[in-house]
Amino acid sequence: MSSDEARVLMERAEAFLRNAEQLYGQGQYDLAAFSVEQACQLLVKQRLLVKVGTYPRTHSLMSLLRDLSRIVPGVKRLVEDPKSVLMITKIEEAYISSRYIPRRYEKLEVEEMLNFAKEVLFDVLRRV
């Protein structure tokens, strides 16, 4: 594992999270949703890199979290909780829709995605 790569992934994850908050504040909900997804995806890849030395080249947030859950018990609880799974798949959808589906995000749903990313994913994963 490259500590430089791990540091860059974390810096980018945190930058995307800050960007999501700024875009949300500006009413740019579609781009904020995409930035939330990118922040989460990079965070999980960074944690996998630190824990196992590599990460799969996928954009599926749920798949990445399942991989991490095999080695981190706290993440296992997260991917087995129905409410968390719904939010994770909603965040994952933001990546897909940003590229392939002309979907508009509402303020409330992006607020929930952003809060989940900050209060659950970033909070839990920074400690593992």
Protein backbone atom coordinates (compact mmCIF):
# COMPACT_ATOMS: atom_id res chain seq x y z
CA MET A 1 0.00 0.00 0.00
CA SER A 2 1.19 3.46 -0.84
CA SER A 3 0.75 5.91 2.02
CA ASP A 4 0.84 8.70 -0.57
CA GLU A 5 -2.10 7.15 -2.42
CA ALA A 6 -4.02 6.71 0.82
CA ARG A 7 -3.38 10.34 1.77
CA VAL A 8 -4.49 11.59 -1.66
CA LEU A 9 -7.68 9.51 -1.53
CA MET A 10 -8.56 10.92 1.91
CA GLU A 11 -7.78 14.49 0.84
CA ARG A 12 -10.00 14.09 -2.21
CA ALA A 13 -12.80 12.49 -0.19
CA GLU A 14 -12.75 15.39 2.25
CA ALA A 15 -12.58 17.93 -0.60
CA PHE A 16 -15.58 16.34 -2.33
CA LEU A 17 -17.49 16.46 0.95
CA ARG A 18 -16.70 20.16 1.38
CA ASN A 19 -17.65 20.71 -2.26
CA ALA A 20 -20.97 18.93 -1.68
CA GLU A 21 -21.72 21.22 1.25
CA GLN A 22 -20.90 24.32 -0.81
CA LEU A 23 -22.97 23.18 -3.78
CA TYR A 24 -25.86 22.30 -1.49
CA GLY A 25 -25.68 25.78 0.03
CA GLN A 26 -25.79 27.28 -3.48
CA GLY A 27 -28.86 25.23 -4.44
CA GLN A 28 -26.93 23.07 -6.91
CA TYR A 29 -28.52 19.85 -5.66
CA ASP A 30 -27.65 17.62 -8.61
CA LEU A 31 -23.95 18.41 -8.38
CA ALA A 32 -24.05 18.25 -4.59
CA ALA A 33 -25.50 14.72 -4.79
CA PHE A 34 -22.71 13.68 -7.17
CA SER A 35 -20.08 15.17 -4.86
CA VAL A 36 -21.54 13.31 -1.88
CA GLU A 37 -21.19 10.05 -3.79
CA GLN A 38 -17.63 10.81 -4.84
CA ALA A 39 -16.68 11.67 -1.27
CA CYS A 40 -18.12 8.42 0.03
CA GLN A 41 -16.62 6.29 -2.73
CA LEU A 42 -13.14 7.72 -2.22
CA LEU A 43 -13.40 7.39 1.54
CA VAL A 44 -14.29 3.69 1.33
CA LYS A 45 -11.54 3.06 -1.21
CA GLN A 46 -9.07 4.79 1.09
CA ARG A 47 -10.12 2.65 4.06
CA LEU A 48 -9.81 -0.52 1.96
CA LEU A 49 -6.37 0.56 0.79
CA VAL A 50 -5.24 1.11 4.38
CA LYS A 51 -6.78 -2.14 5.67
CA VAL A 52 -5.94 -4.59 2.88
CA GLY A 53 -3.48 -2.78 0.65
CA THR A 54 -5.76 -2.44 -2.37
CA TYR A 55 -9.33 -1.77 -3.44
CA PRO A 56 -11.47 -2.98 -6.33
CA ARG A 57 -11.76 -0.76 -9.37
CA THR A 58 -15.50 -0.29 -9.14
CA HIS A 59 -17.83 2.65 -8.67
CA SER A 60 -20.37 0.68 -6.61
CA LEU A 61 -20.45 2.17 -3.14
CA MET A 62 -22.44 -0.79 -1.82
CA SER A 63 -19.98 -3.28 -3.27
CA LEU A 64 -17.05 -1.39 -1.76
CA LEU A 65 -18.75 -1.23 1.64
CA ARG A 66 -19.52 -4.95 1.51
CA ASP A 67 -15.84 -5.64 0.82
CA LEU A 68 -14.87 -3.47 3.78
CA SER A 69 -17.52 -5.10 5.98
CA ARG A 70 -15.77 -8.45 5.62
CA ILE A 71 -12.88 -7.10 7.68
CA VAL A 72 -14.47 -4.35 9.82
CA PRO A 73 -17.36 -5.44 12.08
CA GLY A 74 -18.82 -1.94 12.45
CA VAL A 75 -19.22 -1.67 8.69
CA LYS A 76 -20.97 -5.04 8.61
CA ARG A 77 -23.70 -3.63 10.86
CA LEU A 78 -24.00 -0.68 8.52
CA VAL A 79 -24.53 -2.74 5.35
CA GLU A 80 -27.07 -4.93 7.11
CA ASP A 81 -29.21 -2.06 8.42
CA PRO A 82 -32.20 -1.52 6.05
CA LYS A 83 -32.27 2.27 6.52
CA SER A 84 -28.55 2.57 5.88
CA VAL A 85 -28.77 0.33 2.82
CA LEU A 86 -31.50 2.56 1.37
CA MET A 87 -29.38 5.66 1.88
CA ILE A 88 -26.22 3.99 0.53
CA THR A 89 -28.04 2.90 -2.64
CA LYS A 90 -29.54 6.40 -3.00
CA ILE A 91 -26.04 7.88 -2.78
CA GLU A 92 -24.74 5.29 -5.25
CA GLU A 93 -27.55 6.21 -7.64
CA ALA A 94 -26.22 9.78 -7.72
CA TYR A 95 -23.11 8.56 -9.55
CA ILE A 96 -25.12 6.64 -12.14
CA SER A 97 -27.70 9.36 -12.71
CA SER A 98 -25.04 12.05 -13.06
CA ARG A 99 -23.70 10.24 -16.09
CA TYR A 100 -26.62 8.44 -17.70
CA ILE A 101 -30.00 9.68 -16.44
CA PRO A 102 -31.29 13.26 -16.55
CA ARG A 103 -32.54 13.21 -12.96
CA ARG A 104 -33.04 16.23 -10.72
CA TYR A 105 -32.38 16.00 -7.00
CA GLU A 106 -34.51 17.77 -4.43
CA LYS A 107 -33.11 19.81 -1.55
CA LEU A 108 -34.44 17.47 1.14
CA GLU A 109 -33.04 14.29 -0.39
CA VAL A 110 -29.59 15.83 -0.87
CA GLU A 111 -29.71 17.12 2.69
CA GLU A 112 -30.37 13.56 3.89
CA MET A 113 -27.58 12.17 1.71
CA LEU A 114 -25.14 14.78 2.96
CA ASN A 115 -26.07 14.21 6.60
CA PHE A 116 -25.75 10.44 6.21
CA ALA A 117 -22.35 10.82 4.56
CA LYS A 118 -21.05 13.12 7.31
CA GLU A 119 -22.71 11.66 10.38
CA VAL A 120 -22.59 7.98 9.49
CA LEU A 121 -20.07 7.07 6.80
CA PHE A 122 -17.34 9.59 7.54
CA ASP A 123 -17.84 9.31 11.29
CA VAL A 124 -17.75 5.49 11.32
CA LEU A 125 -15.07 4.95 8.71
CA ARG A 126 -12.58 7.48 10.04
CA ARG A 127 -12.47 5.43 13.25
CA VAL A 128 -11.75 2.07 11.59
